[in-house]
Protein backbone atom coordinates (compact mmCIF):
# COMPACT_ATOMS: atom_id res chain seq x y z
CA MET A 1 14.36 -7.87 14.80
CA PRO A 2 12.46 -10.39 16.21
CA ALA A 3 9.16 -11.56 14.53
CA ALA A 4 7.04 -11.05 17.82
CA ARG A 5 8.03 -7.14 18.33
CA SER A 6 5.57 -5.14 19.48
CA ARG A 7 4.85 -2.26 16.52
CA LEU A 8 4.63 0.04 19.82
CA SER A 9 7.71 2.51 19.71
CA PRO A 10 8.82 4.91 22.01
CA PRO A 11 6.16 7.80 21.70
CA CYS A 12 8.38 10.61 21.64
CA LEU A 13 10.29 9.44 18.26
CA TRP A 14 7.35 8.03 16.83
CA ARG A 15 3.79 8.41 16.53
CA ARG A 16 2.01 5.69 18.94
CA GLY A 17 1.70 2.52 16.94
CA ARG A 18 2.67 1.25 13.80
CA PHE A 19 3.25 4.19 11.76
CA LEU A 20 5.83 6.65 11.05
CA ARG A 21 5.60 10.17 12.60
CA ALA A 22 5.28 13.16 10.71
CA GLY A 23 8.12 15.64 10.20
CA ALA A 24 9.13 18.96 8.69
CA LEU A 25 10.20 18.37 5.44
CA ILE A 26 12.82 20.11 3.13
CA LEU A 27 13.24 19.29 -0.51
CA LEU A 28 16.94 18.74 -1.24
CA GLY A 29 17.30 18.00 -4.52
CA LEU A 30 16.41 15.57 -7.19
CA ALA A 31 18.69 12.97 -9.21
CA GLY A 32 17.87 11.98 -12.42
CA ALA A 33 15.17 14.77 -12.45
CA GLY A 34 13.40 14.24 -16.06
CA ALA A 35 15.12 11.29 -16.61
CA THR A 36 12.24 8.40 -18.59
CA HIS A 37 11.65 5.96 -16.58
CA ALA A 38 13.54 2.82 -17.79
CA ALA A 39 11.74 -0.64 -17.12
CA LEU A 40 12.89 -1.98 -13.80
CA GLU A 41 14.23 -5.58 -14.50
CA LEU A 42 12.76 -8.31 -12.74
CA TYR A 43 14.68 -11.27 -11.61
CA ARG A 44 12.90 -15.22 -10.96
CA GLU A 45 14.61 -15.62 -7.55
CA ARG A 46 15.06 -13.55 -4.59
CA THR A 47 19.46 -12.94 -4.33
CA SER A 48 19.22 -10.91 -1.23
CA PRO A 49 16.87 -9.87 1.71
CA TYR A 50 17.06 -6.04 -0.02
CA ASP A 51 15.03 -7.50 -3.15
CA LEU A 52 11.38 -6.24 -3.09
CA ALA A 53 9.20 -9.14 -4.21
CA LEU A 54 6.44 -8.38 -6.94
CA THR A 55 3.23 -10.00 -7.60
CA GLY A 56 0.08 -9.88 -9.13
CA ARG A 57 -0.55 -8.19 -12.83
CA LEU A 58 2.81 -7.82 -14.44
CA THR A 59 3.05 -8.28 -17.87
CA GLY A 60 4.62 -11.99 -18.91
CA VAL A 61 4.60 -13.22 -15.51
CA PRO A 62 1.84 -16.25 -14.86
CA ALA A 63 -0.65 -15.75 -12.46
CA GLY A 64 0.36 -16.41 -8.99
CA GLU A 65 4.10 -16.25 -9.46
CA LYS A 66 6.65 -13.46 -7.98
CA ARG A 67 9.19 -11.54 -9.44
CA TYR A 68 11.99 -9.57 -7.43
CA ALA A 69 13.62 -6.11 -8.06
CA HIS A 70 16.94 -5.45 -6.42
CA TRP A 71 17.73 -2.81 -4.44
CA ALA A 72 20.06 -1.36 -6.44
CA ASP A 73 17.96 -1.20 -9.60
CA ILE A 74 15.71 0.64 -7.71
CA ARG A 75 18.04 3.02 -6.37
CA ALA A 76 18.88 3.82 -9.94
CA LEU A 77 15.65 5.09 -10.61
CA PRO A 78 15.13 9.19 -9.99
CA THR A 79 15.53 9.64 -6.77
CA THR A 80 14.73 12.50 -4.95
CA ARG A 81 16.64 14.00 -1.43
CA LEU A 82 14.01 14.97 1.15
CA ARG A 83 15.32 16.41 5.22
CA LEU A 84 13.08 15.34 7.30
CA ALA A 85 12.62 16.03 11.33
CA GLY A 86 11.41 13.30 13.44
CA GLU A 87 10.58 11.01 10.85
CA PHE A 88 12.59 8.24 12.04
CA VAL A 89 14.84 9.56 15.54
CA LYS A 90 14.52 12.52 16.97
CA GLY A 91 16.30 15.66 15.30
CA GLU A 92 16.81 15.98 10.91
CA GLN A 93 17.64 13.12 9.03
CA GLU A 94 17.98 12.90 5.35
CA LEU A 95 16.07 10.73 3.37
CA THR A 96 16.77 9.40 -0.12
CA VAL A 97 13.28 8.50 -1.74
CA VAL A 98 11.71 7.18 -5.19
CA PHE A 99 8.37 8.44 -5.69
CA LEU A 100 6.06 5.47 -5.99
CA SER A 101 4.40 6.88 -8.72
CA ASP A 102 7.96 6.31 -10.30
CA LEU A 103 8.34 2.95 -9.48
CA TRP A 104 5.00 2.35 -10.80
CA ALA A 105 6.05 3.70 -13.73
CA ALA A 106 9.05 1.58 -14.16
CA LEU A 107 7.32 -1.64 -13.37
CA PRO A 108 5.92 -3.78 -16.63
CA ARG A 109 1.83 -3.14 -15.79
CA ALA A 110 -0.49 -5.66 -17.23
CA ALA A 111 -3.94 -4.16 -18.62
CA GLY A 112 -6.06 -3.38 -15.39
CA ALA A 113 -3.13 -2.82 -12.82
CA ASP A 114 -4.63 0.58 -11.06
CA THR A 115 -3.42 -0.18 -7.54
CA LEU A 116 -0.17 -0.78 -5.57
CA LEU A 117 -0.80 -3.32 -2.27
CA ALA A 118 2.06 -3.31 0.09
CA THR A 119 2.71 -6.16 2.57
CA CYS A 120 5.23 -5.88 5.21
CA GLY A 121 7.01 -9.36 5.96
CA ILE A 122 7.67 -9.13 9.27
CA ASP A 123 3.57 -9.35 10.60
CA GLY A 124 1.55 -9.17 7.40
CA TYR A 125 0.34 -5.36 7.83
CA ALA A 126 -1.06 -4.06 4.48
CA SER A 127 -1.42 -0.48 2.83
CA VAL A 128 -3.49 0.43 -0.31
CA TYR A 129 -2.30 3.12 -2.80
CA ARG A 130 -4.32 3.66 -6.11
CA ASP A 131 -3.14 5.13 -8.68
CA SER A 132 -5.02 8.26 -8.07
CA PHE A 133 -3.84 8.49 -4.59
CA MET A 134 -0.27 8.11 -5.53
CA ALA A 135 -1.03 11.43 -7.76
CA ALA A 136 -2.24 13.27 -5.26
CA CYS A 137 -0.56 12.39 -2.03
CA ARG A 138 3.00 11.63 -3.66
CA PRO A 139 4.01 8.61 -1.41
CA PHE A 140 7.51 7.85 -1.52
CA VAL A 141 9.70 4.75 -0.72
CA VAL A 142 12.71 5.30 1.49
CA LEU A 143 15.99 3.67 0.36
CA GLU A 144 18.70 5.55 2.45
CA ILE A 145 18.49 7.03 5.53
CA ASN A 146 21.14 9.65 6.17
CA GLY A 147 22.96 8.25 2.97
CA GLN A 148 22.82 4.78 4.28
CA GLY A 149 20.84 1.77 2.62
CA PRO A 150 18.96 -1.03 4.43
CA ASP A 151 22.25 -2.69 5.16
CA LYS A 152 23.09 -0.44 7.26
CA TRP A 153 19.69 0.10 8.78
CA PRO A 154 18.51 0.41 12.11
CA PRO A 155 19.63 4.17 12.00
CA PRO A 156 21.76 5.27 15.38
CA GLY A 157 19.20 5.95 17.60
CA LEU A 158 16.22 3.19 16.70
CA ASP A 159 16.09 0.37 18.70
CA TYR A 160 14.49 -1.67 15.61
CA ASN A 161 15.08 -2.03 11.76
CA PRO A 162 12.49 -0.40 9.80
CA GLY A 163 13.81 -2.25 6.78
CA PRO A 164 13.92 -3.18 4.02
CA TYR A 165 11.64 -0.80 2.72
CA VAL A 166 9.99 2.10 4.10
CA ILE A 167 6.71 4.23 2.29
CA SER A 168 5.81 7.25 3.97
CA ILE A 169 3.98 10.54 2.58
CA SER A 170 4.18 14.09 4.02
CA ALA A 171 1.18 16.36 4.50
CA SER A 172 4.70 19.30 3.55
CA LEU A 173 5.05 17.60 0.43
CA ALA A 174 1.17 16.81 -0.58
CA PRO A 175 -1.58 18.74 0.97
CA ALA A 176 -4.06 16.66 0.18
CA VAL A 177 -2.31 14.34 2.78
CA THR A 178 -3.95 16.75 5.44
CA GLN A 179 -7.11 15.47 4.14
CA LEU A 180 -6.47 11.86 5.09
CA ILE A 181 -8.61 10.35 8.52
CA ASP A 182 -5.27 8.20 9.23
CA PRO A 183 -2.17 9.03 7.30
CA GLY A 184 -0.48 6.79 9.19
CA HIS A 185 -1.65 3.69 7.45
CA LYS A 186 -0.41 4.94 4.12
CA LYS A 187 2.70 4.73 6.24
CA PRO A 188 4.13 1.08 6.41
CA TRP A 189 7.64 -0.05 7.41
CA GLY A 190 9.41 -3.37 6.83
CA VAL A 191 7.98 -3.75 3.20
CA THR A 192 8.49 -6.66 1.66
CA GLU A 193 5.91 -7.10 -1.36
CA LEU A 194 4.40 -5.00 -3.59
CA GLU A 195 0.87 -6.41 -5.56
CA LEU A 196 0.10 -4.63 -8.77
CA ALA A 197 -3.98 -5.11 -8.22
CA ASN A 198 -6.76 -4.10 -10.00
CA PHE A 199 -8.56 -2.58 -7.19
CA ALA A 200 -12.24 -3.51 -8.41
CA ASP A 201 -11.23 -7.31 -8.50
CA ARG A 202 -9.24 -6.90 -4.94
CA TYR A 203 -11.97 -5.39 -3.41
CA ARG A 204 -14.85 -6.85 -5.11
CA GLY A 205 -16.56 -8.60 -1.84
CA SER A 206 -16.69 -5.13 -0.30
CA PHE A 207 -18.89 -4.01 -3.05
CA SER A 208 -20.94 -7.40 -3.78
CA GLY A 209 -23.50 -9.14 -2.23
CA ARG A 210 -25.24 -7.39 0.56
CA TRP A 211 -22.38 -4.79 0.41
CA SER A 212 -23.59 -3.93 -3.04
CA ALA A 213 -26.50 -1.40 -2.40
CA LEU A 214 -25.33 0.49 0.78
CA SER A 215 -26.52 3.33 2.37
CA ALA A 216 -24.68 6.46 2.51
CA ARG A 217 -23.22 6.24 5.17
CA ALA A 218 -22.09 2.83 4.99
CA GLU A 219 -20.27 3.77 1.40
CA ALA A 220 -18.44 6.23 3.68
CA GLY A 221 -17.58 3.70 6.20
CA ARG A 222 -16.00 1.54 3.25
CA GLU A 223 -13.88 4.21 2.68
CA ILE A 224 -12.64 4.39 6.46
CA TRP A 225 -12.57 0.68 6.34
CA ILE A 226 -10.12 -0.10 2.99
CA ASN A 227 -8.04 2.87 3.66
CA SER A 228 -7.64 2.23 7.51
CA CYS A 229 -9.11 -1.08 8.72
CA ALA A 230 -7.67 -3.39 6.30
CA SER A 231 -3.79 -2.40 7.24
CA CYS A 232 -4.48 -5.58 9.48
CA HIS A 233 -8.11 -7.10 8.79
CA ARG A 234 -9.33 -8.85 5.55
CA GLY A 235 -13.11 -7.81 4.62
CA PRO A 236 -16.27 -8.93 3.50
CA ALA A 237 -15.50 -12.03 1.30
CA GLY A 238 -11.87 -12.52 1.84
CA THR A 239 -11.56 -9.35 0.57
CA PHE A 240 -7.92 -8.35 0.20
CA GLY A 241 -6.57 -6.94 3.60
CA GLY A 242 -3.32 -7.11 5.80
CA THR A 243 -3.25 -10.61 8.22
CA LYS A 244 -1.98 -8.47 11.20
CA SER A 245 -4.80 -9.43 12.89
CA ASP A 246 -6.38 -13.11 13.44
CA ARG A 247 -9.85 -11.84 14.12
CA PRO A 248 -12.39 -12.99 11.08
CA PHE A 249 -14.42 -10.31 9.32
CA GLU A 250 -17.56 -12.21 10.69
CA VAL A 251 -16.66 -11.99 14.16
CA LEU A 252 -15.75 -7.92 13.57
CA ALA A 253 -19.44 -7.82 12.29
CA ALA A 254 -21.06 -9.42 15.31
CA HIS A 255 -19.53 -6.98 17.78
CA ALA A 256 -20.12 -3.71 15.75
CA GLY A 257 -23.90 -5.33 15.04
CA PHE A 258 -24.65 -6.29 18.78
CA ASN A 259 -22.85 -4.50 20.73
CA ALA A 260 -22.19 -0.54 19.03
CA ALA A 261 -20.64 1.23 22.69
CA TYR A 262 -18.37 -1.53 22.76
CA PHE A 263 -16.82 -1.76 19.37
CA LYS A 264 -16.40 2.47 19.30
CA ARG A 265 -14.66 1.80 22.76
CA TYR A 266 -12.28 -0.76 21.52
CA VAL A 267 -11.41 0.90 18.33
CA ARG A 268 -10.84 4.40 19.92
CA ASP A 269 -8.58 2.93 23.07
CA PRO A 270 -8.32 -1.19 22.20
CA GLN A 271 -5.55 -1.31 25.12
CA GLY A 272 -8.14 0.37 27.88
CA VAL A 273 -10.69 -2.42 26.95
CA ILE A 274 -8.51 -5.42 26.95
CA THR A 275 -4.94 -5.37 28.41
CA GLY A 276 -2.50 -6.45 25.94
CA ALA A 277 -4.58 -5.90 23.10
CA LYS A 278 -2.33 -5.33 19.62
CA MET A 279 -4.65 -2.96 17.90
CA GLU A 280 -3.46 0.54 17.66
CA ALA A 281 -5.43 3.25 19.20
CA HIS A 282 -7.66 5.58 17.22
CA PRO A 283 -9.28 8.03 19.68
CA HIS A 284 -9.61 10.72 16.97
CA TYR A 285 -12.10 8.66 15.33
CA THR A 286 -15.71 10.78 15.46
CA ASP A 287 -18.90 9.20 16.79
CA ALA A 288 -19.96 10.21 13.00
CA GLN A 289 -16.87 8.42 11.43
CA LEU A 290 -17.59 4.92 13.88
CA ASP A 291 -21.25 4.79 13.05
CA ALA A 292 -20.07 4.99 9.30
CA LEU A 293 -17.86 2.32 9.90
CA ILE A 294 -20.21 -0.11 11.92
CA ALA A 295 -22.89 0.62 9.26
CA PHE A 296 -20.00 -0.69 6.43
CA ILE A 297 -19.40 -3.64 8.81
CA THR A 298 -23.10 -4.78 9.15
CA ALA A 299 -23.89 -3.98 5.19
CA GLU A 300 -26.68 -1.34 6.08
CA PRO A 301 -28.89 -1.16 3.05
CA LYS A 302 -29.91 1.91 0.93
CA GLN A 303 -33.32 2.99 1.91
């Protein structure tokens, strides 16, 4: 799949933009249900394009170094078969998945690790999964589509490869998903790396300095930023975020602070404002949500 390929996909098969479409879910069965979580073996070198890179707070791994998990070893973890309609292509597909919480339990987590940060190698898109989110929304890693692993992807009917790993969620599996403003931001495809992180450490810039004593609506906007905007944008003081966007946080803050009406129009319909804009449209954002987001970006202080 060419690196320059847009994340926009056919609307009849996918949600508009980068995100997997939600579909009806049927739980088909478990493999290894009730099994204890054996430690996942990690390797110093990548040996396959389907190896999953791991970094961050890994026990026994020096800071800054990566380790790799083999696809076959991840596939050997307890798995679940789900039947979803319209998740990848039209009609039903049977997915073999491992819940992210089970993968999390099998990793050698060092002290302080409470968050998984997923990054997509093709474009720098990112998603954040705190341990509390993993428990409430039950995100899962797709290992096989209709019995075929990523070496056989894309499945028939899909014109690009979503591999090597896809993470997804389903309201049919976890009702808490219906409460998310942007569930699509928790459904990245093309995932190549997971970082075991400490949330407070990696998002320090969003809670310190000018952002340490925010108004109530700015605090609400911070949650929107972390769980949505940070998929493509780094936050204040270089706080963790995706690198799909090359627009610095300071530029976003200038737009939000000095031309709020333009900022709102752009978030809701970027292609309608600038032809060829890469950002996904968010037409569902309310004025209150956008006001909260602006309040966070501009560090509106507590009164």
